[in-house]
Amino acid sequence: MNERIYNVFTHDGFWVWSLLLLFYGGTYFFWSYIKVFYASGGGKYLNLAQDVQTLLNDCVYIGFGLVFFLYPKRLKN
């Protein structure tokens, strides 16, 4: 049995999948409540929801950029 401990925070795949999970979780939450906002006539909350979704998108895309920018490059021999 392999008892080696891996630090998943140092792997780029962990961060990419974590960001995708955050993105899709936030997006599905947002679109499910759009129907509630429209049904209740709550236009004042719709702008807030759109701003939060935009902020979430910005954070996720900046995170993708950081993952690809900061990941150490592999050199071919």
Protein backbone atom coordinates (compact mmCIF):
# COMPACT_ATOMS: atom_id res chain seq x y z
CA MET A 1 0.00 0.00 0.00
CA ASN A 2 1.32 3.43 -0.94
CA GLU A 3 1.37 5.68 2.12
CA ARG A 4 2.75 8.74 0.40
CA ILE A 5 0.88 11.95 1.20
CA TYR A 6 0.19 14.30 -1.71
CA ASN A 7 -0.48 18.00 -1.37
CA VAL A 8 -3.34 18.52 -3.81
CA PHE A 9 -3.09 22.31 -3.54
CA THR A 10 0.11 22.25 -5.59
CA HIS A 11 -1.51 20.52 -8.59
CA ASP A 12 -3.02 22.58 -11.36
CA GLY A 13 -5.77 20.04 -11.98
CA PHE A 14 -7.12 20.55 -8.48
CA TRP A 15 -7.45 24.29 -9.00
CA VAL A 16 -8.99 23.99 -12.47
CA TRP A 17 -11.65 21.55 -11.27
CA SER A 18 -12.29 23.57 -8.12
CA LEU A 19 -12.84 26.70 -10.19
CA LEU A 20 -15.13 24.82 -12.57
CA LEU A 21 -17.13 23.52 -9.61
CA LEU A 22 -17.44 27.05 -8.23
CA PHE A 23 -18.44 28.41 -11.64
CA TYR A 24 -21.08 25.79 -12.41
CA GLY A 25 -22.44 25.78 -8.87
CA GLY A 26 -22.87 29.54 -8.93
CA THR A 27 -24.31 29.56 -12.44
CA TYR A 28 -26.93 26.91 -11.73
CA PHE A 29 -27.87 28.69 -8.51
CA PHE A 30 -28.21 31.97 -10.42
CA TRP A 31 -30.37 30.62 -13.24
CA SER A 32 -32.65 28.71 -10.89
CA TYR A 33 -33.47 31.91 -9.02
CA ILE A 34 -34.04 34.04 -12.11
CA LYS A 35 -37.47 32.41 -12.44
CA VAL A 36 -38.22 33.29 -8.80
CA PHE A 37 -37.14 36.90 -9.32
CA TYR A 38 -39.30 37.29 -12.42
CA ALA A 39 -42.32 35.55 -10.87
CA SER A 40 -42.24 37.75 -7.78
CA GLY A 41 -41.77 40.93 -9.79
CA GLY A 42 -38.63 41.68 -7.82
CA GLY A 43 -36.70 43.67 -10.36
CA LYS A 44 -34.70 45.41 -7.66
CA TYR A 45 -33.10 42.10 -6.65
CA LEU A 46 -32.47 41.04 -10.23
CA ASN A 47 -29.76 43.68 -10.69
CA LEU A 48 -28.03 42.52 -7.53
CA ALA A 49 -28.16 38.91 -8.70
CA GLN A 50 -26.65 39.87 -12.05
CA ASP A 51 -23.88 41.81 -10.34
CA VAL A 52 -23.06 38.84 -8.10
CA GLN A 53 -23.00 36.52 -11.13
CA THR A 54 -20.69 38.91 -12.96
CA LEU A 55 -18.38 39.08 -9.95
CA LEU A 56 -18.34 35.28 -9.73
CA ASN A 57 -17.47 35.02 -13.44
CA ASP A 58 -14.67 37.55 -13.06
CA CYS A 59 -13.20 35.72 -10.06
CA VAL A 60 -13.30 32.36 -11.83
CA TYR A 61 -11.70 33.67 -15.02
CA ILE A 62 -8.99 35.47 -13.06
CA GLY A 63 -8.42 32.20 -11.20
CA PHE A 64 -8.00 30.34 -14.51
CA GLY A 65 -5.50 32.92 -15.64
CA LEU A 66 -3.53 32.59 -12.41
CA VAL A 67 -3.50 28.80 -12.60
CA PHE A 68 -2.11 28.83 -16.13
CA PHE A 69 0.27 31.73 -15.47
CA LEU A 70 1.73 30.45 -12.19
CA TYR A 71 1.91 26.77 -13.07
CA PRO A 72 5.57 25.78 -13.56
CA LYS A 73 6.35 25.05 -17.17
CA ARG A 74 7.56 21.58 -18.10
CA LEU A 75 10.63 21.56 -20.29
CA LYS A 76 11.01 18.97 -23.02
CA ASN A 77 14.31 17.13 -23.03
